[in-house]
Amino acid sequence: MTKNLPDLITQALTALNEINSHPQYQAIKTNYSPDFTIPDAQQALTELSSELNEVQE
């Protein structure tokens, strides 16, 4: 069964928020420097959501 993409985006954003505020992540965040950060992923999902909204209008 295919899930609704906007719902998946919302779930992913919620998961990213939970990861970002998790104590284990907070403990490593100062020394952890990936090429793409959690805010980068959140921005990408927000842009995807906006694009979906434009297509559906």
PDB file of N, CA and C in Angstrom:
ATOM      1  N   MET A   1       0.840  -1.185   0.000  1.00  0.00           N
ATOM      2  CA  MET A   1       0.000   0.000   0.000  1.00  0.00           C
ATOM      3  C   MET A   1       0.884   1.248   0.000  1.00  0.00           C
ATOM      4  N   THR A   2       0.639   2.153  -0.896  1.00  0.00           N
ATOM      5  CA  THR A   2       1.408   3.392  -1.004  1.00  0.00           C
ATOM      6  C   THR A   2       0.885   4.415  -0.001  1.00  0.00           C
ATOM      7  N   LYS A   3       1.818   5.002   0.733  1.00  0.00           N
ATOM      8  CA  LYS A   3       1.442   6.026   1.713  1.00  0.00           C
ATOM      9  C   LYS A   3       1.376   7.390   1.040  1.00  0.00           C
ATOM     10  N   ASN A   4       0.610   8.270   1.612  1.00  0.00           N
ATOM     11  CA  ASN A   4       0.449   9.637   1.156  1.00  0.00           C
ATOM     12  C   ASN A   4       1.772  10.390   1.366  1.00  0.00           C
ATOM     13  N   LEU A   5       2.326  10.980   0.299  1.00  0.00           N
ATOM     14  CA  LEU A   5       3.620  11.652   0.386  1.00  0.00           C
ATOM     15  C   LEU A   5       3.627  12.808   1.389  1.00  0.00           C
ATOM     16  N   PRO A   6       2.625  13.681   1.405  1.00  0.00           N
ATOM     17  CA  PRO A   6       2.648  14.745   2.422  1.00  0.00           C
ATOM     18  C   PRO A   6       2.701  14.200   3.851  1.00  0.00           C
ATOM     19  N   ASP A   7       2.016  13.083   4.083  1.00  0.00           N
ATOM     20  CA  ASP A   7       2.067  12.473   5.423  1.00  0.00           C
ATOM     21  C   ASP A   7       3.466  11.953   5.733  1.00  0.00           C
ATOM     22  N   LEU A   8       4.114  11.347   4.742  1.00  0.00           N
ATOM     23  CA  LEU A   8       5.476  10.862   4.933  1.00  0.00           C
ATOM     24  C   LEU A   8       6.432  12.009   5.228  1.00  0.00           C
ATOM     25  N   ILE A   9       6.252  13.127   4.542  1.00  0.00           N
ATOM     26  CA  ILE A   9       7.097  14.298   4.782  1.00  0.00           C
ATOM     27  C   ILE A   9       6.909  14.794   6.210  1.00  0.00           C
ATOM     28  N   THR A  10       5.670  14.855   6.656  1.00  0.00           N
ATOM     29  CA  THR A  10       5.381  15.284   8.024  1.00  0.00           C
ATOM     30  C   THR A  10       6.023  14.345   9.035  1.00  0.00           C
ATOM     31  N   GLN A  11       5.913  13.042   8.794  1.00  0.00           N
ATOM     32  CA  GLN A  11       6.529  12.062   9.692  1.00  0.00           C
ATOM     33  C   GLN A  11       8.045  12.218   9.721  1.00  0.00           C
ATOM     34  N   ALA A  12       8.642  12.450   8.559  1.00  0.00           N
ATOM     35  CA  ALA A  12      10.092  12.615   8.479  1.00  0.00           C
ATOM     36  C   ALA A  12      10.538  13.873   9.229  1.00  0.00           C
ATOM     37  N   LEU A  13       9.801  14.959   9.070  1.00  0.00           N
ATOM     38  CA  LEU A  13      10.139  16.194   9.788  1.00  0.00           C
ATOM     39  C   LEU A  13      10.025  15.999  11.297  1.00  0.00           C
ATOM     40  N   THR A  14       9.004  15.271  11.721  1.00  0.00           N
ATOM     41  CA  THR A  14       8.838  14.983  13.141  1.00  0.00           C
ATOM     42  C   THR A  14      10.015  14.155  13.658  1.00  0.00           C
ATOM     43  N   ALA A  15      10.412  13.145  12.901  1.00  0.00           N
ATOM     44  CA  ALA A  15      11.547  12.306  13.290  1.00  0.00           C
ATOM     45  C   ALA A  15      12.827  13.131  13.376  1.00  0.00           C
ATOM     46  N   LEU A  16      13.040  14.010  12.408  1.00  0.00           N
ATOM     47  CA  LEU A  16      14.237  14.852  12.430  1.00  0.00           C
ATOM     48  C   LEU A  16      14.247  15.778  13.641  1.00  0.00           C
ATOM     49  N   ASN A  17      13.090  16.324  13.993  1.00  0.00           N
ATOM     50  CA  ASN A  17      13.003  17.173  15.190  1.00  0.00           C
ATOM     51  C   ASN A  17      13.337  16.373  16.445  1.00  0.00           C
ATOM     52  N   GLU A  18      12.846  15.130  16.505  1.00  0.00           N
ATOM     53  CA  GLU A  18      13.122  14.284  17.662  1.00  0.00           C
ATOM     54  C   GLU A  18      14.608  13.942  17.743  1.00  0.00           C
ATOM     55  N   ILE A  19      15.216  13.634  16.605  1.00  0.00           N
ATOM     56  CA  ILE A  19      16.648  13.343  16.571  1.00  0.00           C
ATOM     57  C   ILE A  19      17.442  14.563  17.019  1.00  0.00           C
ATOM     58  N   ASN A  20      17.077  15.723  16.486  1.00  0.00           N
ATOM     59  CA  ASN A  20      17.804  16.954  16.790  1.00  0.00           C
ATOM     60  C   ASN A  20      17.773  17.292  18.277  1.00  0.00           C
ATOM     61  N   SER A  21      16.694  16.954  18.959  1.00  0.00           N
ATOM     62  CA  SER A  21      16.590  17.284  20.380  1.00  0.00           C
ATOM     63  C   SER A  21      16.965  16.110  21.299  1.00  0.00           C
ATOM     64  N   HIS A  22      17.303  14.974  20.723  1.00  0.00           N
ATOM     65  CA  HIS A  22      17.636  13.798  21.528  1.00  0.00           C
ATOM     66  C   HIS A  22      18.952  14.018  22.285  1.00  0.00           C
ATOM     67  N   PRO A  23      18.998  13.614  23.541  1.00  0.00           N
ATOM     68  CA  PRO A  23      20.216  13.813  24.345  1.00  0.00           C
ATOM     69  C   PRO A  23      21.470  13.167  23.746  1.00  0.00           C
ATOM     70  N   GLN A  24      21.333  11.994  23.138  1.00  0.00           N
ATOM     71  CA  GLN A  24      22.509  11.351  22.528  1.00  0.00           C
ATOM     72  C   GLN A  24      23.035  12.180  21.368  1.00  0.00           C
ATOM     73  N   TYR A  25      22.129  12.744  20.570  1.00  0.00           N
ATOM     74  CA  TYR A  25      22.562  13.588  19.457  1.00  0.00           C
ATOM     75  C   TYR A  25      23.184  14.875  19.992  1.00  0.00           C
ATOM     76  N   GLN A  26      22.574  15.455  20.995  1.00  0.00           N
ATOM     77  CA  GLN A  26      23.106  16.684  21.586  1.00  0.00           C
ATOM     78  C   GLN A  26      24.530  16.473  22.104  1.00  0.00           C
ATOM     79  N   ALA A  27      24.802  15.279  22.621  1.00  0.00           N
ATOM     80  CA  ALA A  27      26.120  14.981  23.180  1.00  0.00           C
ATOM     81  C   ALA A  27      27.211  14.915  22.114  1.00  0.00           C
ATOM     82  N   ILE A  28      26.854  14.505  20.895  1.00  0.00           N
ATOM     83  CA  ILE A  28      27.881  14.378  19.840  1.00  0.00           C
ATOM     84  C   ILE A  28      27.857  15.533  18.853  1.00  0.00           C
ATOM     85  N   LYS A  29      26.833  16.349  18.912  1.00  0.00           N
ATOM     86  CA  LYS A  29      26.607  17.388  17.910  1.00  0.00           C
ATOM     87  C   LYS A  29      27.766  18.382  17.760  1.00  0.00           C
ATOM     88  N   THR A  30      28.444  18.697  18.841  1.00  0.00           N
ATOM     89  CA  THR A  30      29.513  19.694  18.760  1.00  0.00           C
ATOM     90  C   THR A  30      30.730  19.184  17.996  1.00  0.00           C
ATOM     91  N   ASN A  31      30.970  17.882  18.036  1.00  0.00           N
ATOM     92  CA  ASN A  31      32.117  17.305  17.337  1.00  0.00           C
ATOM     93  C   ASN A  31      31.726  16.586  16.049  1.00  0.00           C
ATOM     94  N   TYR A  32      30.458  16.599  15.716  1.00  0.00           N
ATOM     95  CA  TYR A  32      29.941  15.889  14.551  1.00  0.00           C
ATOM     96  C   TYR A  32      29.693  16.904  13.449  1.00  0.00           C
ATOM     97  N   SER A  33      30.371  16.751  12.325  1.00  0.00           N
ATOM     98  CA  SER A  33      30.230  17.738  11.251  1.00  0.00           C
ATOM     99  C   SER A  33      30.043  17.040   9.892  1.00  0.00           C
ATOM    100  N   PRO A  34      28.834  16.540   9.646  1.00  0.00           N
ATOM    101  CA  PRO A  34      28.566  15.882   8.374  1.00  0.00           C
ATOM    102  C   PRO A  34      28.466  16.905   7.246  1.00  0.00           C
ATOM    103  N   ASP A  35      28.515  16.422   6.014  1.00  0.00           N
ATOM    104  CA  ASP A  35      28.364  17.316   4.865  1.00  0.00           C
ATOM    105  C   ASP A  35      26.985  17.962   4.844  1.00  0.00           C
ATOM    106  N   PHE A  36      25.971  17.198   5.237  1.00  0.00           N
ATOM    107  CA  PHE A  36      24.607  17.704   5.296  1.00  0.00           C
ATOM    108  C   PHE A  36      24.097  17.539   6.721  1.00  0.00           C
ATOM    109  N   THR A  37      23.459  18.573   7.227  1.00  0.00           N
ATOM    110  CA  THR A  37      23.011  18.575   8.613  1.00  0.00           C
ATOM    111  C   THR A  37      21.514  18.297   8.707  1.00  0.00           C
ATOM    112  N   ILE A  38      21.038  18.136   9.924  1.00  0.00           N
ATOM    113  CA  ILE A  38      19.599  17.944  10.132  1.00  0.00           C
ATOM    114  C   ILE A  38      18.821  19.142   9.589  1.00  0.00           C
ATOM    115  N   PRO A  39      19.250  20.377   9.840  1.00  0.00           N
ATOM    116  CA  PRO A  39      18.524  21.501   9.230  1.00  0.00           C
ATOM    117  C   PRO A  39      18.523  21.455   7.693  1.00  0.00           C
ATOM    118  N   ASP A  40      19.592  20.943   7.091  1.00  0.00           N
ATOM    119  CA  ASP A  40      19.604  20.782   5.631  1.00  0.00           C
ATOM    120  C   ASP A  40      18.505  19.812   5.194  1.00  0.00           C
ATOM    121  N   ALA A  41      18.377  18.708   5.917  1.00  0.00           N
ATOM    122  CA  ALA A  41      17.350  17.711   5.592  1.00  0.00           C
ATOM    123  C   ALA A  41      15.954  18.291   5.798  1.00  0.00           C
ATOM    124  N   GLN A  42      15.795  19.052   6.877  1.00  0.00           N
ATOM    125  CA  GLN A  42      14.497  19.688   7.129  1.00  0.00           C
ATOM    126  C   GLN A  42      14.149  20.670   6.014  1.00  0.00           C
ATOM    127  N   GLN A  43      15.129  21.432   5.563  1.00  0.00           N
ATOM    128  CA  GLN A  43      14.899  22.390   4.488  1.00  0.00           C
ATOM    129  C   GLN A  43      14.508  21.668   3.194  1.00  0.00           C
ATOM    130  N   ALA A  44      15.188  20.578   2.897  1.00  0.00           N
ATOM    131  CA  ALA A  44      14.880  19.816   1.690  1.00  0.00           C
ATOM    132  C   ALA A  44      13.448  19.285   1.735  1.00  0.00           C
ATOM    133  N   LEU A  45      13.030  18.793   2.881  1.00  0.00           N
ATOM    134  CA  LEU A  45      11.665  18.283   3.006  1.00  0.00           C
ATOM    135  C   LEU A  45      10.633  19.405   2.923  1.00  0.00           C
ATOM    136  N   THR A  46      10.961  20.553   3.494  1.00  0.00           N
ATOM    137  CA  THR A  46      10.060  21.704   3.419  1.00  0.00           C
ATOM    138  C   THR A  46       9.896  22.163   1.972  1.00  0.00           C
ATOM    139  N   GLU A  47      10.999  22.180   1.228  1.00  0.00           N
ATOM    140  CA  GLU A  47      10.938  22.560  -0.184  1.00  0.00           C
ATOM    141  C   GLU A  47      10.145  21.538  -0.996  1.00  0.00           C
ATOM    142  N   LEU A  48      10.320  20.257  -0.696  1.00  0.00           N
ATOM    143  CA  LEU A  48       9.549  19.219  -1.372  1.00  0.00           C
ATOM    144  C   LEU A  48       8.067  19.397  -1.094  1.00  0.00           C
ATOM    145  N   SER A  49       7.728  19.679   0.134  1.00  0.00           N
ATOM    146  CA  SER A  49       6.337  19.904   0.513  1.00  0.00           C
ATOM    147  C   SER A  49       5.752  21.104  -0.234  1.00  0.00           C
ATOM    148  N   SER A  50       6.523  22.182  -0.326  1.00  0.00           N
ATOM    149  CA  SER A  50       6.062  23.372  -1.054  1.00  0.00           C
ATOM    150  C   SER A  50       5.840  23.065  -2.531  1.00  0.00           C
ATOM    151  N   GLU A  51       6.748  22.292  -3.111  1.00  0.00           N
ATOM    152  CA  GLU A  51       6.615  21.926  -4.518  1.00  0.00           C
ATOM    153  C   GLU A  51       5.361  21.075  -4.729  1.00  0.00           C
ATOM    154  N   LEU A  52       5.097  20.165  -3.837  1.00  0.00           N
ATOM    155  CA  LEU A  52       3.879  19.341  -3.943  1.00  0.00           C
ATOM    156  C   LEU A  52       2.638  20.215  -3.868  1.00  0.00           C
ATOM    157  N   ASN A  53       2.652  21.191  -2.956  1.00  0.00           N
ATOM    158  CA  ASN A  53       1.503  22.090  -2.825  1.00  0.00           C
ATOM    159  C   ASN A  53       1.278  22.895  -4.102  1.00  0.00           C
ATOM    160  N   GLU A  54       2.342  23.342  -4.740  1.00  0.00           N
ATOM    161  CA  GLU A  54       2.225  24.106  -5.978  1.00  0.00           C
ATOM    162  C   GLU A  54       1.663  23.245  -7.100  1.00  0.00           C
ATOM    163  N   VAL A  55       2.112  22.008  -7.192  1.00  0.00           N
ATOM    164  CA  VAL A  55       1.650  21.089  -8.237  1.00  0.00           C
ATOM    165  C   VAL A  55       0.179  20.756  -8.054  1.00  0.00           C
ATOM    166  N   GLN A  56      -0.255  20.647  -6.814  1.00  0.00           N
ATOM    167  CA  GLN A  56      -1.637  20.275  -6.523  1.00  0.00           C
ATOM    168  C   GLN A  56      -2.615  21.437  -6.698  1.00  0.00           C
ATOM    169  N   GLU A  57      -2.116  22.652  -6.791  1.00  0.00           N
ATOM    170  CA  GLU A  57      -3.013  23.814  -6.943  1.00  0.00           C
ATOM    171  C   GLU A  57      -3.471  23.977  -8.356  1.00  0.00           C
TER     172      GLU A  57
END
